[in-house]
Amino acid sequence: MMQFVPIMIVSFAAALGLTPITRQLARRFGVMDQPSARKVHREATPLLGGLAIYGAMMLALAVFSLDDYLVELLAILAGASWMALIGFLDDRKAMIPWQKFAAQFVAGGVLVLTGVMIRLTGVPLIDAALTIIWVAGITNAVNFQDNMDGLCAGLTAIASGFFFLLAVMEGQGLVASLAAALCGSAIGFLIFNFNPASTFMGDLGSLVLGFTLAVLSIKLRFDSQPFGLSTWSVPLLVLGEPIFDIVLVIFTRLRERRPPWQAGKDHTSHRLVQMGLSMRGAVLVIYGVCVALGIAAIVVSRNPNFAPALVAMAALAGLTVFVWLERFRILQQRQAEKP
């Protein structure tokens, strides 16, 4: 494990140093997130923090070059760089949703072409399609989490931290290095992004974080275990909170006949605040859920026969919370509509 700690330290220090610089650049060039009815912040906030996350992660991986995994690493970094570019363009001038989806499919396609892909069915075409869909799905799920101070960066730090521990236990150098770089950069940025945030990551950051987490979940393997139970169940547990939230949000918006990509205050974090928690409290509760799911993932990785039971329990708990939060939202909406 100790051989990967310097990567985490360098990425943390780089994000810590770069974030104030990107904050000043955002102010200088007018890249600011303006307050609106669908947002929780009340003042214009710098929106280039994602550049610090991206730059810190790239710097750490460049300093500690991984020659044994050069082709795969270059493909992953190319995909992350592409996502950073798309995120920056979206922050500057909002892109049409299908353009962002297309860009995510391109990033997933680059991974497939270099052999970084899900190997679930053994049928290359199906596995390639699953990879592209998974990359787009997780990227958007994490992007959806960028709705409250410290939420996206914090859950990324937790998820990548658990991916790091799992990769070290399985002796997977590329995954451990990438997870260490991501975790360090997310924590370094979080210092400036936790409530009250002095800077936001923007889509430049959230798309990079989501893409990288998707890659980590694909690359983490447990080949020695029967039926690959841990290979598919561990990522579902580690990324369980953003997966749950995007399902909740899409369900709500479709039920209300709104486009799924239309922004709104209907995320898990917003609902927790509506139930009486402070924004900090809501974020900390979600952190706790992420930690609990990460611990469950480690249990499954050591005891793969527990996978079906734990995943089913997590899904049942998620469904229960899903129904509870949706019922609370409906009651709140009816109460607001009363004369």
Protein backbone atom coordinates (compact mmCIF):
# COMPACT_ATOMS: atom_id res chain seq x y z
CA MET A 1 0.00 0.00 0.00
CA MET A 2 2.76 2.43 0.93
CA GLN A 3 4.05 2.59 -2.64
CA PHE A 4 0.80 4.28 -3.73
CA VAL A 5 0.57 6.77 -0.85
CA PRO A 6 2.95 9.27 -2.53
CA ILE A 7 0.55 9.45 -5.51
CA MET A 8 -2.27 10.39 -3.17
CA ILE A 9 -0.11 12.95 -1.35
CA VAL A 10 1.04 14.61 -4.60
CA SER A 11 -2.49 14.80 -6.02
CA PHE A 12 -3.80 16.18 -2.72
CA ALA A 13 -1.09 18.83 -2.51
CA ALA A 14 -1.52 19.75 -6.17
CA ALA A 15 -5.30 20.18 -5.81
CA LEU A 16 -4.75 22.18 -2.63
CA GLY A 17 -2.37 24.51 -4.48
CA LEU A 18 -4.21 24.69 -7.80
CA THR A 19 -7.73 25.33 -6.49
CA PRO A 20 -7.07 28.94 -5.32
CA ILE A 21 -5.43 29.62 -8.70
CA THR A 22 -8.42 28.28 -10.64
CA ARG A 23 -10.69 30.31 -8.38
CA GLN A 24 -8.89 33.50 -9.37
CA LEU A 25 -8.89 32.52 -13.04
CA ALA A 26 -12.64 31.95 -12.92
CA ARG A 27 -13.18 35.42 -11.47
CA ARG A 28 -10.80 37.01 -13.97
CA PHE A 29 -12.45 35.46 -17.01
CA GLY A 30 -16.01 35.53 -15.71
CA VAL A 31 -16.51 31.76 -15.41
CA MET A 32 -18.99 32.05 -12.56
CA ASP A 33 -22.01 30.05 -11.46
CA GLN A 34 -24.84 32.52 -11.04
CA PRO A 35 -27.54 31.87 -8.41
CA SER A 36 -31.02 30.90 -9.60
CA ALA A 37 -34.25 29.37 -8.32
CA ARG A 38 -33.06 25.83 -9.04
CA LYS A 39 -29.74 26.29 -7.17
CA VAL A 40 -28.98 26.45 -3.46
CA HIS A 41 -26.18 29.06 -3.49
CA ARG A 42 -27.03 32.76 -3.26
CA GLU A 43 -23.88 34.42 -4.61
CA ALA A 44 -21.98 34.12 -7.87
CA THR A 45 -19.32 31.44 -7.31
CA PRO A 46 -16.17 30.60 -9.31
CA LEU A 47 -16.72 27.59 -11.55
CA LEU A 48 -13.28 26.32 -12.56
CA GLY A 49 -12.47 24.10 -9.59
CA GLY A 50 -12.71 21.03 -11.78
CA LEU A 51 -9.57 22.19 -13.56
CA ALA A 52 -7.66 21.85 -10.28
CA ILE A 53 -9.00 18.30 -9.77
CA TYR A 54 -8.13 17.29 -13.32
CA GLY A 55 -4.70 18.94 -13.22
CA ALA A 56 -3.80 17.43 -9.84
CA MET A 57 -4.77 13.92 -10.93
CA MET A 58 -2.82 14.23 -14.18
CA LEU A 59 0.24 15.63 -12.43
CA ALA A 60 0.33 12.84 -9.86
CA LEU A 61 0.06 10.13 -12.53
CA ALA A 62 2.70 11.84 -14.67
CA VAL A 63 5.17 12.07 -11.76
CA PHE A 64 4.68 8.41 -10.90
CA SER A 65 4.58 7.01 -14.44
CA LEU A 66 3.19 3.48 -14.82
CA ASP A 67 5.14 2.01 -17.72
CA ASP A 68 3.63 -1.45 -17.20
CA TYR A 69 0.14 -0.14 -17.98
CA LEU A 70 1.05 2.60 -20.46
CA VAL A 71 -1.50 1.86 -23.21
CA GLU A 72 -4.44 1.45 -20.85
CA LEU A 73 -3.40 4.47 -18.79
CA LEU A 74 -3.11 6.66 -21.88
CA ALA A 75 -6.59 5.58 -23.01
CA ILE A 76 -8.02 6.37 -19.57
CA LEU A 77 -6.31 9.76 -19.41
CA ALA A 78 -7.40 10.55 -22.95
CA GLY A 79 -10.99 9.80 -21.96
CA ALA A 80 -10.67 11.94 -18.82
CA SER A 81 -9.16 14.78 -20.85
CA TRP A 82 -12.00 14.56 -23.35
CA MET A 83 -14.52 14.71 -20.51
CA ALA A 84 -12.69 17.72 -19.05
CA LEU A 85 -12.94 19.52 -22.38
CA ILE A 86 -16.65 18.72 -22.75
CA GLY A 87 -17.28 19.82 -19.17
CA PHE A 88 -15.45 23.10 -19.72
CA LEU A 89 -17.45 23.84 -22.87
CA ASP A 90 -20.66 23.03 -21.00
CA ASP A 91 -19.69 25.34 -18.14
CA ARG A 92 -18.96 28.17 -20.56
CA LYS A 93 -22.12 27.69 -22.60
CA ALA A 94 -24.63 24.99 -21.72
CA MET A 95 -24.52 22.16 -24.24
CA ILE A 96 -27.51 20.31 -25.63
CA PRO A 97 -27.99 17.07 -23.62
CA TRP A 98 -27.55 14.77 -26.62
CA GLN A 99 -24.18 16.38 -27.33
CA LYS A 100 -22.99 15.50 -23.83
CA PHE A 101 -24.32 11.95 -24.17
CA ALA A 102 -22.55 11.56 -27.50
CA ALA A 103 -19.29 12.77 -25.95
CA GLN A 104 -19.64 10.24 -23.14
CA PHE A 105 -20.24 7.44 -25.65
CA VAL A 106 -17.06 8.51 -27.46
CA ALA A 107 -15.10 8.32 -24.19
CA GLY A 108 -16.51 4.85 -23.53
CA GLY A 109 -15.65 3.81 -27.09
CA VAL A 110 -12.02 4.86 -26.59
CA LEU A 111 -11.84 2.58 -23.57
CA VAL A 112 -13.32 -0.34 -25.48
CA LEU A 113 -10.86 0.08 -28.37
CA THR A 114 -7.93 -0.23 -25.95
CA GLY A 115 -9.33 -3.24 -24.10
CA VAL A 116 -10.68 -1.45 -21.03
CA MET A 117 -14.16 -2.94 -20.91
CA ILE A 118 -16.69 -4.96 -18.97
CA ARG A 119 -16.29 -8.69 -19.54
CA LEU A 120 -19.58 -10.03 -18.28
CA THR A 121 -21.10 -12.07 -21.12
CA GLY A 122 -18.05 -13.12 -23.10
CA VAL A 123 -19.68 -11.70 -26.25
CA PRO A 124 -17.45 -8.78 -27.33
CA LEU A 125 -20.21 -6.73 -28.95
CA ILE A 126 -22.53 -7.01 -25.94
CA ASP A 127 -19.73 -6.34 -23.46
CA ALA A 128 -18.65 -3.30 -25.49
CA ALA A 129 -22.20 -1.93 -25.44
CA LEU A 130 -22.48 -2.57 -21.69
CA THR A 131 -19.19 -0.73 -21.15
CA ILE A 132 -20.30 2.36 -23.06
CA ILE A 133 -23.68 2.42 -21.31
CA TRP A 134 -22.05 1.94 -17.90
CA VAL A 135 -19.53 4.74 -18.51
CA ALA A 136 -22.27 7.14 -19.58
CA GLY A 137 -24.55 6.06 -16.72
CA ILE A 138 -21.98 6.45 -13.93
CA THR A 139 -20.61 9.67 -15.41
CA ASN A 140 -24.09 11.19 -15.34
CA ALA A 141 -24.88 9.72 -11.90
CA VAL A 142 -21.83 11.45 -10.42
CA ASN A 143 -22.54 14.61 -12.39
CA PHE A 144 -26.01 14.66 -10.80
CA GLN A 145 -24.35 14.70 -7.37
CA ASP A 146 -22.86 18.11 -8.00
CA ASN A 147 -25.91 19.79 -6.49
CA MET A 148 -24.76 20.79 -3.01
CA ASP A 149 -21.53 22.06 -1.45
CA GLY A 150 -19.03 19.26 -0.93
CA LEU A 151 -21.32 16.44 -2.04
CA CYS A 152 -19.77 15.33 -5.34
CA ALA A 153 -16.16 15.77 -4.23
CA GLY A 154 -16.79 14.06 -0.89
CA LEU A 155 -18.55 10.99 -2.21
CA THR A 156 -15.89 10.69 -4.93
CA ALA A 157 -13.17 10.78 -2.26
CA ILE A 158 -14.99 8.05 -0.31
CA ALA A 159 -15.71 5.84 -3.33
CA SER A 160 -12.20 6.17 -4.77
CA GLY A 161 -10.77 5.52 -1.30
CA PHE A 162 -12.62 2.20 -1.13
CA PHE A 163 -11.61 1.35 -4.70
CA PHE A 164 -8.02 2.06 -3.62
CA LEU A 165 -8.24 -0.30 -0.64
CA LEU A 166 -9.85 -3.04 -2.75
CA ALA A 167 -7.26 -2.67 -5.51
CA VAL A 168 -4.40 -2.89 -3.00
CA MET A 169 -5.90 -6.05 -1.49
CA GLU A 170 -6.16 -7.56 -4.98
CA GLY A 171 -2.67 -6.42 -6.04
CA GLN A 172 -3.91 -4.28 -8.96
CA GLY A 173 -1.36 -1.52 -9.50
CA LEU A 174 -3.14 0.49 -12.20
CA VAL A 175 -6.43 0.66 -10.30
CA ALA A 176 -4.68 1.50 -7.03
CA SER A 177 -2.64 4.28 -8.65
CA LEU A 178 -5.62 5.80 -10.44
CA ALA A 179 -7.81 5.58 -7.33
CA ALA A 180 -5.08 7.16 -5.18
CA ALA A 181 -4.68 10.06 -7.61
CA LEU A 182 -8.45 10.61 -7.78
CA CYS A 183 -8.94 10.37 -4.02
CA GLY A 184 -6.13 12.82 -3.23
CA SER A 185 -7.30 15.40 -5.75
CA ALA A 186 -10.92 15.17 -4.57
CA ILE A 187 -9.92 15.68 -0.92
CA GLY A 188 -7.64 18.60 -1.80
CA PHE A 189 -10.46 20.31 -3.66
CA LEU A 190 -13.02 19.45 -0.96
CA ILE A 191 -11.24 21.73 1.50
CA PHE A 192 -12.43 24.69 -0.59
CA ASN A 193 -15.72 23.14 -1.68
CA PHE A 194 -17.27 22.01 1.62
CA ASN A 195 -20.11 24.20 2.87
CA PRO A 196 -19.84 27.15 2.58
CA ALA A 197 -18.02 26.57 -0.72
CA SER A 198 -15.73 29.25 -2.10
CA THR A 199 -15.52 27.52 -5.50
CA PHE A 200 -17.41 24.93 -7.53
CA MET A 201 -16.02 22.17 -9.72
CA GLY A 202 -18.52 22.60 -12.55
CA ASP A 203 -19.12 19.96 -15.18
CA LEU A 204 -15.39 20.10 -15.94
CA GLY A 205 -14.86 18.43 -12.60
CA SER A 206 -17.93 16.25 -12.17
CA LEU A 207 -17.64 14.65 -15.62
CA VAL A 208 -13.98 13.81 -14.99
CA LEU A 209 -14.80 12.38 -11.56
CA GLY A 210 -17.70 10.31 -12.91
CA PHE A 211 -15.71 8.98 -15.85
CA THR A 212 -12.76 8.01 -13.66
CA LEU A 213 -14.98 6.25 -11.12
CA ALA A 214 -16.62 4.35 -13.97
CA VAL A 215 -13.17 3.24 -15.18
CA LEU A 216 -12.16 2.14 -11.68
CA SER A 217 -15.31 0.05 -11.37
CA ILE A 218 -14.59 -1.62 -14.72
CA LYS A 219 -10.90 -2.29 -14.08
CA LEU A 220 -11.30 -3.70 -10.56
CA ARG A 221 -11.28 -7.48 -10.89
CA PHE A 222 -11.76 -10.47 -8.63
CA ASP A 223 -10.92 -13.18 -11.16
CA SER A 224 -10.05 -15.78 -8.54
CA GLN A 225 -13.58 -15.83 -7.15
CA PRO A 226 -16.42 -18.00 -8.44
CA PHE A 227 -18.89 -16.60 -10.97
CA GLY A 228 -17.33 -13.15 -10.71
CA LEU A 229 -19.82 -12.20 -7.99
CA SER A 230 -17.52 -9.60 -6.47
CA THR A 231 -16.57 -8.21 -9.89
CA TRP A 232 -20.10 -6.97 -10.53
CA SER A 233 -21.44 -6.54 -7.00
CA VAL A 234 -18.59 -4.55 -5.45
CA PRO A 235 -18.87 -1.59 -7.89
CA LEU A 236 -22.66 -1.56 -7.43
CA LEU A 237 -22.17 -1.21 -3.68
CA VAL A 238 -19.34 1.33 -3.78
CA LEU A 239 -21.29 3.50 -6.24
CA GLY A 240 -24.67 2.68 -4.72
CA GLU A 241 -25.55 6.21 -3.57
CA PRO A 242 -25.13 8.03 -6.92
CA ILE A 243 -26.85 5.11 -8.69
CA PHE A 244 -29.76 5.35 -6.26
CA ASP A 245 -30.01 9.12 -6.66
CA ILE A 246 -30.07 9.15 -10.45
CA VAL A 247 -32.80 6.47 -10.46
CA LEU A 248 -34.82 8.50 -7.95
CA VAL A 249 -34.44 11.71 -9.93
CA ILE A 250 -35.22 10.18 -13.32
CA PHE A 251 -38.28 8.40 -11.92
CA THR A 252 -39.56 11.63 -10.34
CA ARG A 253 -39.05 13.75 -13.43
CA LEU A 254 -40.59 11.22 -15.80
CA ARG A 255 -43.58 10.83 -13.50
CA GLU A 256 -44.01 14.59 -13.55
CA ARG A 257 -43.56 14.59 -17.34
CA ARG A 258 -40.34 16.57 -17.18
CA PRO A 259 -37.16 15.81 -19.13
CA PRO A 260 -34.77 13.71 -16.96
CA TRP A 261 -31.93 16.09 -17.70
CA GLN A 262 -33.87 19.17 -16.53
CA ALA A 263 -32.22 20.47 -13.37
CA GLY A 264 -34.26 20.75 -10.19
CA LYS A 265 -34.24 20.45 -6.42
CA ASP A 266 -35.39 16.83 -6.38
CA HIS A 267 -32.17 15.03 -5.50
CA THR A 268 -31.69 12.99 -2.34
CA SER A 269 -29.69 15.82 -0.78
CA HIS A 270 -32.45 18.37 -1.44
CA ARG A 271 -35.08 16.07 0.03
CA LEU A 272 -33.04 15.58 3.19
CA VAL A 273 -32.85 19.36 3.57
CA GLN A 274 -36.61 19.62 3.01
CA MET A 275 -37.02 17.13 5.86
CA GLY A 276 -35.26 19.49 8.24
CA LEU A 277 -31.53 18.77 7.92
CA SER A 278 -29.06 21.54 7.23
CA MET A 279 -27.12 21.38 3.96
CA ARG A 280 -24.06 20.24 5.89
CA GLY A 281 -26.12 17.66 7.72
CA ALA A 282 -27.60 16.29 4.50
CA VAL A 283 -24.17 15.96 2.93
CA LEU A 284 -22.75 14.25 6.01
CA VAL A 285 -25.64 11.76 6.06
CA ILE A 286 -24.90 10.87 2.44
CA TYR A 287 -21.21 10.52 3.31
CA GLY A 288 -22.21 8.06 6.01
CA VAL A 289 -24.28 6.03 3.55
CA CYS A 290 -21.33 5.92 1.13
CA VAL A 291 -19.00 4.69 3.88
CA ALA A 292 -21.48 2.00 4.93
CA LEU A 293 -21.82 0.80 1.32
CA GLY A 294 -18.03 0.81 0.94
CA ILE A 295 -17.64 -1.38 4.03
CA ALA A 296 -20.27 -3.73 2.62
CA ALA A 297 -18.26 -3.87 -0.61
CA ILE A 298 -15.14 -4.94 1.29
CA VAL A 299 -17.14 -7.65 3.06
CA VAL A 300 -18.37 -8.94 -0.30
CA SER A 301 -14.85 -8.86 -1.77
CA ARG A 302 -13.64 -11.11 1.04
CA ASN A 303 -16.76 -13.29 1.13
CA PRO A 304 -18.26 -13.39 -2.40
CA ASN A 305 -21.06 -15.72 -1.34
CA PHE A 306 -22.50 -12.78 0.61
CA ALA A 307 -22.82 -10.74 -2.58
CA PRO A 308 -26.40 -11.61 -3.57
CA ALA A 309 -27.68 -11.09 -0.03
CA LEU A 310 -25.91 -7.79 0.56
CA VAL A 311 -26.79 -6.38 -2.86
CA ALA A 312 -30.41 -7.43 -2.35
CA MET A 313 -30.44 -5.83 1.11
CA ALA A 314 -28.92 -2.63 -0.27
CA ALA A 315 -31.47 -2.59 -3.10
CA LEU A 316 -34.34 -3.16 -0.66
CA ALA A 317 -33.08 -0.41 1.63
CA GLY A 318 -32.71 1.87 -1.37
CA LEU A 319 -36.23 1.07 -2.54
CA THR A 320 -37.60 1.78 0.94
CA VAL A 321 -35.86 5.16 1.09
CA PHE A 322 -36.92 5.82 -2.51
CA VAL A 323 -40.62 5.36 -1.66
CA TRP A 324 -40.27 7.27 1.62
CA LEU A 325 -38.58 10.30 0.05
CA GLU A 326 -41.01 10.34 -2.87
CA ARG A 327 -44.01 10.19 -0.51
CA PHE A 328 -42.55 13.00 1.58
CA ARG A 329 -42.03 15.13 -1.54
CA ILE A 330 -45.63 14.58 -2.66
CA LEU A 331 -46.96 15.53 0.79
CA GLN A 332 -44.80 18.65 0.80
CA GLN A 333 -46.03 19.57 -2.67
CA ARG A 334 -49.69 19.13 -1.68
CA GLN A 335 -49.14 21.20 1.45
CA ALA A 336 -47.61 24.01 -0.62
CA GLU A 337 -50.57 23.96 -3.03
CA LYS A 338 -53.15 24.49 -0.27
CA PRO A 339 -54.65 27.99 -0.23
